[in-house]
């Protein structure tokens, strides 16, 4: 049996799945707490427990004997994480940091106190308070939202009902934010270890489709060097001030007047960092493992001038067959293409994989990545180009 420390991972999604390969290279045994049999990460991590992460006893069983616990998602109750810490388990990122990714109101309050630029915002209790805040605006549930869920753009009082009904049903609050006039969305990804070492990846540009990350370009094209430096410095500062261990993704708005505002925080490997698997010296997944185990961090430097990541989202064509059937065409057409599938069944809008294309020419990378993703999705019919 290996004598390496064991790392427990809570959550069986694709992020945990993609931690497995660098863990093998590091000789780091992983133990998984999966939410169901056969989920994405459970297909590749042998040492696993199936259970509810909201149950403290389940968490204790899944992490027994592990040195460190980390996460595929940010939804584990903070009181449970405090209990695990009190029992001697290293929780990374810790509950004091993680709460800022779990609760958008807590995040906004803390970032504002730190002087970090954010959209104008307020917690609102009813439609009248939204009217006072002002239309148009964005309403968000303070907890639980992701990939466009729990987010509503409202332009009049009658648009607000769904948001408050959803909040009442789930027992959370509603945060109102100004509807930012932005040029594009950026992401600043950093890794930070418990000993304070940190590494910053190039700032990337991302585009959304129905609230889901669709495409990422690394580095962000035509981004002013000073603004890129500001974004990296901001992400490093947030990681330090909040005590983050592991990967931190700071999603940003680049406004039309050349400023940056913080949109969201994620304290785990992030969709906007998937390009690093093939486009950076050290992937976000390996650096997350290195960080939470307090190993020296790897270089975040890019391997090529451009890398494009395009998500493969489940489409409206279930008759196209297995995702695996997309490989012959995609790989024959582009031997340099890198494809990452998550072991998930296709359904509309679901992230089932992504493709990375890298090279010297941005337009070429965009075309190659978009074509491959569309082919796997089933949008190109019988095209054999």
Protein backbone atom coordinates (compact mmCIF):
# COMPACT_ATOMS: atom_id res chain seq x y z
CA UNK A 1 0.00 0.00 0.00
CA UNK A 2 1.25 3.54 -0.75
CA UNK A 3 2.42 5.55 2.22
CA UNK A 4 1.37 8.88 0.71
CA UNK A 5 -1.20 11.01 2.54
CA UNK A 6 -4.79 10.47 1.38
CA UNK A 7 -6.78 13.38 -0.11
CA UNK A 8 -10.56 13.17 0.25
CA UNK A 9 -12.66 14.89 -2.40
CA UNK A 10 -16.30 15.78 -1.75
CA UNK A 11 -18.46 15.69 -4.87
CA UNK A 12 -18.48 13.32 -7.81
CA UNK A 13 -18.65 15.68 -10.78
CA UNK A 14 -16.23 16.27 -13.63
CA UNK A 15 -13.96 18.52 -11.57
CA UNK A 16 -13.19 15.65 -9.18
CA UNK A 17 -12.82 13.35 -12.19
CA UNK A 18 -10.19 15.63 -13.72
CA UNK A 19 -8.24 15.70 -10.45
CA UNK A 20 -7.63 11.97 -10.80
CA UNK A 21 -5.03 12.07 -13.57
CA UNK A 22 -2.64 14.56 -11.91
CA UNK A 23 -3.17 12.73 -8.62
CA UNK A 24 -1.86 9.55 -10.29
CA UNK A 25 1.25 11.39 -11.45
CA UNK A 26 1.80 12.78 -7.96
CA UNK A 27 1.32 9.35 -6.37
CA UNK A 28 -1.51 10.89 -4.33
CA UNK A 29 -4.34 8.53 -3.34
CA UNK A 30 -7.80 10.06 -3.73
CA UNK A 31 -10.90 9.08 -1.78
CA UNK A 32 -14.25 10.21 -3.17
CA UNK A 33 -17.56 11.10 -1.56
CA UNK A 34 -19.96 10.71 -4.48
CA UNK A 35 -23.61 11.72 -4.47
CA UNK A 36 -24.69 8.63 -6.44
CA UNK A 37 -23.35 5.42 -7.96
CA UNK A 38 -21.62 5.80 -11.29
CA UNK A 39 -21.36 9.60 -11.38
CA UNK A 40 -18.54 11.19 -13.36
CA UNK A 41 -15.70 10.95 -10.82
CA UNK A 42 -16.91 7.63 -9.41
CA UNK A 43 -16.04 6.05 -12.77
CA UNK A 44 -12.33 6.74 -12.28
CA UNK A 45 -11.71 6.98 -8.49
CA UNK A 46 -11.85 3.51 -6.96
CA UNK A 47 -11.80 4.44 -3.25
CA UNK A 48 -15.28 5.89 -2.87
CA UNK A 49 -18.24 6.34 -0.55
CA UNK A 50 -21.73 7.10 -1.84
CA UNK A 51 -23.75 9.37 0.37
CA UNK A 52 -25.15 12.81 1.16
CA UNK A 53 -22.52 15.50 1.78
CA UNK A 54 -25.09 17.33 3.94
CA UNK A 55 -24.90 14.49 6.49
CA UNK A 56 -22.02 14.99 8.95
CA UNK A 57 -21.77 11.27 9.73
CA UNK A 58 -21.38 10.52 6.01
CA UNK A 59 -18.66 13.16 5.77
CA UNK A 60 -16.86 11.64 8.74
CA UNK A 61 -16.95 8.16 7.19
CA UNK A 62 -15.75 9.39 3.81
CA UNK A 63 -12.84 11.37 5.25
CA UNK A 64 -11.75 8.93 7.99
CA UNK A 65 -7.98 8.50 7.80
CA UNK A 66 -7.53 11.21 5.18
CA UNK A 67 -5.03 14.00 5.77
CA UNK A 68 -6.86 16.69 3.78
CA UNK A 69 -10.33 17.19 2.32
CA UNK A 70 -11.12 19.35 -0.71
CA UNK A 71 -14.14 19.87 -2.94
CA UNK A 72 -15.68 19.41 -6.36
CA UNK A 73 -18.36 21.96 -5.36
CA UNK A 74 -18.91 24.57 -2.67
CA UNK A 75 -22.16 23.37 -1.10
CA UNK A 76 -21.00 21.45 1.99
CA UNK A 77 -22.50 23.13 5.08
CA UNK A 78 -19.88 25.26 6.79
CA UNK A 79 -20.89 23.99 10.24
CA UNK A 80 -19.94 20.47 9.13
CA UNK A 81 -16.57 21.71 7.89
CA UNK A 82 -15.93 23.44 11.21
CA UNK A 83 -16.71 20.12 12.93
CA UNK A 84 -14.24 18.24 10.72
CA UNK A 85 -11.58 20.88 11.40
CA UNK A 86 -12.19 20.56 15.15
CA UNK A 87 -11.56 16.84 14.82
CA UNK A 88 -8.15 17.46 13.24
CA UNK A 89 -8.87 17.20 9.50
CA UNK A 90 -7.30 19.83 7.24
CA UNK A 91 -10.18 21.37 5.24
CA UNK A 92 -8.93 23.19 2.13
CA UNK A 93 -10.29 25.66 1.34
CA UNK A 94 -11.50 26.14 4.89
CA UNK A 95 -15.03 27.08 5.91
CA UNK A 96 -14.06 30.68 6.72
CA UNK A 97 -12.98 31.10 3.09
CA UNK A 98 -15.56 28.85 1.46
CA UNK A 99 -18.55 30.74 2.84
CA UNK A 100 -17.69 33.60 0.47
CA UNK A 101 -18.26 31.27 -2.48
CA UNK A 102 -21.37 29.76 -0.90
CA UNK A 103 -23.22 32.97 -0.02
CA UNK A 104 -23.23 35.85 -2.50
CA UNK A 105 -24.40 38.37 0.11
CA UNK A 106 -21.52 37.44 2.44
CA UNK A 107 -19.14 37.67 -0.51
CA UNK A 108 -20.36 41.11 -1.56
CA UNK A 109 -20.20 42.45 2.01
CA UNK A 110 -16.63 41.22 2.53
CA UNK A 111 -15.30 42.32 -0.85
CA UNK A 112 -16.85 45.76 -0.41
CA UNK A 113 -15.22 46.06 3.01
CA UNK A 114 -11.88 45.25 1.36
CA UNK A 115 -12.41 47.93 -1.27
CA UNK A 116 -12.66 45.40 -4.10
CA UNK A 117 -14.65 46.83 -7.04
CA UNK A 118 -18.09 45.22 -7.27
CA UNK A 119 -21.42 46.05 -8.93
CA UNK A 120 -23.85 48.13 -6.86
CA UNK A 121 -25.85 45.66 -4.79
CA UNK A 122 -28.28 45.17 -1.91
CA UNK A 123 -30.11 42.32 -0.20
CA UNK A 124 -33.82 42.79 -0.91
CA UNK A 125 -36.74 41.32 1.03
CA UNK A 126 -39.58 42.02 -1.42
CA UNK A 127 -40.56 43.60 -4.71
CA UNK A 128 -40.92 47.04 -3.12
CA UNK A 129 -37.25 46.97 -2.12
CA UNK A 130 -36.33 45.98 -5.68
CA UNK A 131 -38.29 49.00 -6.93
CA UNK A 132 -36.32 51.17 -4.51
CA UNK A 133 -33.05 49.60 -5.73
CA UNK A 134 -33.98 50.40 -9.31
CA UNK A 135 -34.66 48.69 -12.64
CA UNK A 136 -33.25 47.10 -14.67
CA UNK A 137 -31.27 44.88 -12.31
CA UNK A 138 -30.22 41.30 -11.69
CA UNK A 139 -31.77 39.22 -8.90
CA UNK A 140 -29.77 36.29 -7.52
CA UNK A 141 -30.44 33.74 -4.84
CA UNK A 142 -27.69 34.21 -2.27
CA UNK A 143 -27.03 30.47 -2.14
CA UNK A 144 -27.31 27.52 -4.48
CA UNK A 145 -27.28 29.12 -7.92
CA UNK A 146 -24.92 28.02 -10.69
CA UNK A 147 -24.76 27.89 -14.51
CA UNK A 148 -27.46 30.53 -14.85
CA UNK A 149 -29.79 28.93 -12.29
CA UNK A 150 -30.95 31.22 -9.52
CA UNK A 151 -30.35 34.35 -11.63
CA UNK A 152 -32.99 36.61 -13.16
CA UNK A 153 -32.70 39.83 -15.16
CA UNK A 154 -35.70 41.95 -14.18
CA UNK A 155 -36.93 45.15 -15.78
CA UNK A 156 -40.23 45.73 -13.99
CA UNK A 157 -41.98 44.69 -10.74
CA UNK A 158 -43.94 41.93 -12.48
CA UNK A 159 -40.66 40.24 -13.47
CA UNK A 160 -39.68 39.59 -9.83
CA UNK A 161 -42.21 36.98 -8.75
CA UNK A 162 -40.25 33.91 -9.89
CA UNK A 163 -37.12 34.97 -8.03
CA UNK A 164 -38.90 35.52 -4.71
CA UNK A 165 -40.89 32.29 -5.09
CA UNK A 166 -37.65 30.37 -5.65
CA UNK A 167 -36.01 32.05 -2.66
CA UNK A 168 -38.97 31.27 -0.40
CA UNK A 169 -39.01 27.64 -1.51
CA UNK A 170 -35.31 27.16 -0.76
CA UNK A 171 -35.12 29.38 2.35
CA UNK A 172 -32.50 31.78 0.99
CA UNK A 173 -32.31 35.52 0.47
CA UNK A 174 -32.34 37.54 -2.74
CA UNK A 175 -29.47 39.81 -3.76
CA UNK A 176 -30.15 42.65 -6.19
CA UNK A 177 -27.27 43.85 -8.36
CA UNK A 178 -27.02 46.51 -10.99
CA UNK A 179 -27.21 45.32 -14.59
CA UNK A 180 -23.63 46.07 -15.55
CA UNK A 181 -22.89 47.54 -18.97
CA UNK A 182 -19.93 45.31 -19.74
CA UNK A 183 -17.79 44.72 -22.79
CA UNK A 184 -17.05 41.08 -21.94
CA UNK A 185 -16.49 38.66 -19.10
CA UNK A 186 -12.99 37.85 -17.88
CA UNK A 187 -11.63 35.32 -15.40
CA UNK A 188 -8.52 35.61 -13.24
CA UNK A 189 -7.45 32.22 -11.93
CA UNK A 190 -4.91 31.80 -9.13
CA UNK A 191 -3.61 28.99 -6.94
CA UNK A 192 -2.61 29.53 -3.30
CA UNK A 193 -1.09 27.14 -0.78
CA UNK A 194 -1.42 27.16 3.04
CA UNK A 195 2.17 28.39 3.32
CA UNK A 196 1.23 31.42 1.22
CA UNK A 197 2.83 30.54 -2.12
CA UNK A 198 0.66 31.73 -5.00
CA UNK A 199 0.61 31.49 -8.79
CA UNK A 200 -1.48 33.47 -11.28
CA UNK A 201 -2.59 32.19 -14.67
CA UNK A 202 -3.08 34.50 -17.67
CA UNK A 203 -6.41 36.35 -17.57
CA UNK A 204 -8.90 34.78 -19.98
CA UNK A 205 -12.04 35.92 -21.78
CA UNK A 206 -15.19 33.79 -21.50
CA UNK A 207 -18.51 33.80 -23.29
CA UNK A 208 -21.76 32.45 -21.88
CA UNK A 209 -24.61 30.57 -23.58
CA UNK A 210 -27.89 30.54 -21.64
CA UNK A 211 -25.97 31.33 -18.47
CA UNK A 212 -23.47 28.48 -18.99
CA UNK A 213 -19.80 28.99 -19.81
CA UNK A 214 -19.53 28.17 -23.51
CA UNK A 215 -16.10 29.28 -24.69
CA UNK A 216 -12.81 30.49 -23.17
CA UNK A 217 -9.90 32.20 -24.92
CA UNK A 218 -6.51 32.28 -23.19
CA UNK A 219 -5.16 34.87 -22.90
CA UNK A 220 -8.02 37.36 -23.30
CA UNK A 221 -7.54 38.99 -26.74
CA UNK A 222 -6.74 42.71 -26.86
CA UNK A 223 -6.66 43.03 -23.08
CA UNK A 224 -4.68 46.04 -21.92
CA UNK A 225 -1.57 44.80 -20.09
CA UNK A 226 -2.17 47.13 -17.16
CA UNK A 227 -5.76 45.93 -16.77
CA UNK A 228 -4.62 42.30 -16.99
CA UNK A 229 -2.09 42.99 -14.25
CA UNK A 230 -4.78 44.63 -12.13
CA UNK A 231 -7.02 41.57 -12.53
CA UNK A 232 -4.26 39.16 -11.51
CA UNK A 233 -3.26 41.33 -8.55
CA UNK A 234 -6.90 41.58 -7.47
CA UNK A 235 -7.34 37.80 -7.59
CA UNK A 236 -4.13 37.24 -5.61
CA UNK A 237 -5.23 39.82 -3.04
CA UNK A 238 -8.69 38.25 -2.66
CA UNK A 239 -7.12 34.81 -2.23
CA UNK A 240 -4.83 36.14 0.49
CA UNK A 241 -7.42 38.23 2.32
CA UNK A 242 -9.99 35.41 2.38
CA UNK A 243 -7.43 32.74 3.23
CA UNK A 244 -8.17 30.60 0.18
CA UNK A 245 -6.26 27.35 -0.26
CA UNK A 246 -6.36 25.75 -3.71
CA UNK A 247 -7.68 27.28 -6.91
CA UNK A 248 -9.62 30.54 -6.81
CA UNK A 249 -11.42 31.76 -9.91
CA UNK A 250 -12.43 35.43 -9.85
CA UNK A 251 -15.01 36.04 -12.56
CA UNK A 252 -14.94 39.65 -13.71
CA UNK A 253 -16.83 42.13 -15.84
CA UNK A 254 -14.69 44.31 -18.09
CA UNK A 255 -16.86 47.40 -18.33
CA UNK A 256 -17.27 49.54 -21.43
CA UNK A 257 -15.28 52.31 -19.72
CA UNK A 258 -12.25 50.06 -19.14
CA UNK A 259 -12.76 49.04 -15.50
CA UNK A 260 -13.07 45.61 -13.88
CA UNK A 261 -15.78 44.53 -11.42
CA UNK A 262 -15.96 41.24 -9.54
CA UNK A 263 -18.94 39.15 -10.60
CA UNK A 264 -18.48 35.79 -8.84
CA UNK A 265 -15.94 33.74 -6.86
CA UNK A 266 -15.29 30.00 -7.16
CA UNK A 267 -12.95 28.21 -4.73
CA UNK A 268 -12.22 25.06 -6.74
CA UNK A 269 -11.06 24.26 -10.26
CA UNK A 270 -13.27 26.22 -12.62
CA UNK A 271 -14.65 25.93 -16.14
CA UNK A 272 -12.67 29.01 -17.20
CA UNK A 273 -9.50 27.14 -16.25
CA UNK A 274 -10.06 23.96 -18.28
CA UNK A 275 -7.80 25.36 -21.01
CA UNK A 276 -4.85 24.86 -18.65
CA UNK A 277 -5.02 21.07 -19.05
CA UNK A 278 -3.37 21.40 -22.46
CA UNK A 279 -2.39 25.05 -22.71
CA UNK A 280 -0.40 25.65 -19.51
CA UNK A 281 2.76 24.13 -18.05
CA UNK A 282 0.77 23.06 -14.96
CA UNK A 283 -2.98 22.51 -15.15
CA UNK A 284 -5.38 24.05 -12.66
CA UNK A 285 -6.19 20.53 -11.45
CA UNK A 286 -2.58 19.69 -10.65
CA UNK A 287 -1.99 23.05 -9.00
CA UNK A 288 -5.16 22.61 -6.94
CA UNK A 289 -3.80 19.29 -5.65
CA UNK A 290 -0.36 20.76 -5.05
CA UNK A 291 -1.87 23.70 -3.19
CA UNK A 292 -4.19 21.78 -0.88
CA UNK A 293 -1.35 19.34 -0.05
CA UNK A 294 1.03 22.31 0.48
CA UNK A 295 3.43 21.15 -2.22
CA UNK A 296 5.40 23.70 -4.28
CA UNK A 297 3.17 25.09 -7.02
CA UNK A 298 3.82 24.45 -10.69
CA UNK A 299 4.31 27.09 -13.37
CA UNK A 300 1.09 28.66 -14.69
CA UNK A 301 2.84 29.83 -17.88
CA UNK A 302 1.11 29.13 -21.21
CA UNK A 303 2.59 26.52 -23.57
CA UNK A 304 1.34 28.25 -26.74
CA UNK A 305 0.41 31.80 -27.72
CA UNK A 306 -3.30 30.89 -27.78
CA UNK A 307 -5.52 28.20 -26.28
CA UNK A 308 -9.26 27.97 -26.90
CA UNK A 309 -11.60 25.86 -24.77
CA UNK A 310 -15.14 25.13 -26.00
CA UNK A 311 -17.59 23.19 -23.84
CA UNK A 312 -19.47 20.26 -25.33
CA UNK A 313 -23.03 20.86 -24.20
CA UNK A 314 -25.79 18.31 -24.61
CA UNK A 315 -27.87 19.22 -27.66
CA UNK A 316 -31.30 18.51 -29.07
CA UNK A 317 -30.17 15.49 -31.12
CA UNK A 318 -30.18 12.37 -28.90
CA UNK A 319 -30.25 10.25 -32.04
CA UNK A 320 -26.63 11.13 -32.85
CA UNK A 321 -25.47 8.19 -30.70
CA UNK A 322 -22.64 7.95 -28.20
CA UNK A 323 -20.31 10.85 -27.53
CA UNK A 324 -17.44 8.44 -28.09
CA UNK A 325 -18.55 8.09 -31.71
CA UNK A 326 -17.37 11.65 -32.31
CA UNK A 327 -13.70 10.73 -31.89
CA UNK A 328 -12.87 9.28 -35.35
CA UNK A 329 -13.84 12.43 -37.25
CA UNK A 330 -12.64 14.98 -34.66
CA UNK A 331 -9.22 13.42 -34.10
CA UNK A 332 -8.61 12.59 -37.77
CA UNK A 333 -9.46 16.13 -38.79
CA UNK A 334 -7.23 17.68 -36.09
CA UNK A 335 -4.46 15.52 -34.62
CA UNK A 336 -3.48 18.37 -32.26
CA UNK A 337 -6.97 18.61 -30.74
CA UNK A 338 -7.44 17.60 -27.11
CA UNK A 339 -10.83 16.20 -26.07
CA UNK A 340 -12.00 15.65 -22.48
CA UNK A 341 -15.25 13.74 -21.91
CA UNK A 342 -16.92 13.49 -18.51
CA UNK A 343 -18.67 10.10 -18.69
CA UNK A 344 -22.11 11.72 -18.64
CA UNK A 345 -25.25 11.05 -20.63
CA UNK A 346 -26.27 13.71 -23.13
CA UNK A 347 -29.16 15.96 -22.24
CA UNK A 348 -29.94 19.51 -23.45
CA UNK A 349 -27.63 22.11 -21.92
CA UNK A 350 -25.63 19.65 -19.83
CA UNK A 351 -21.82 19.93 -19.79
CA UNK A 352 -20.64 16.55 -21.05
CA UNK A 353 -17.09 17.44 -22.07
CA UNK A 354 -14.84 20.09 -23.56
CA UNK A 355 -12.24 20.47 -26.28
CA UNK A 356 -8.99 22.42 -26.22
CA UNK A 357 -7.19 23.71 -29.30
CA UNK A 358 -3.88 25.55 -29.06
CA UNK A 359 -1.48 27.17 -31.48
CA UNK A 360 -0.01 30.36 -32.91
CA UNK A 361 -3.14 31.64 -34.70
CA UNK A 362 -6.21 32.58 -32.67
CA UNK A 363 -8.72 32.32 -35.53
CA UNK A 364 -7.43 28.86 -36.39
CA UNK A 365 -7.75 27.74 -32.76
CA UNK A 366 -11.29 29.11 -32.57
CA UNK A 367 -12.37 27.32 -35.75
CA UNK A 368 -10.84 24.00 -34.70
CA UNK A 369 -12.32 24.03 -31.20
CA UNK A 370 -15.75 25.18 -32.33
CA UNK A 371 -15.92 22.59 -35.11
CA UNK A 372 -14.98 19.73 -32.79
CA UNK A 373 -17.44 20.75 -30.07
CA UNK A 374 -20.22 21.10 -32.64
CA UNK A 375 -19.36 17.68 -34.09
CA UNK A 376 -19.58 15.97 -30.69
CA UNK A 377 -22.79 17.85 -29.97
CA UNK A 378 -24.30 16.57 -33.21
CA UNK A 379 -24.82 19.94 -34.86
CA UNK A 380 -22.88 19.20 -38.07
CA UNK A 381 -24.97 16.34 -39.41
CA UNK A 382 -23.15 14.17 -41.93
CA UNK A 383 -20.43 16.73 -42.68
CA UNK A 384 -17.20 14.92 -43.35
CA UNK A 385 -14.95 17.88 -44.15
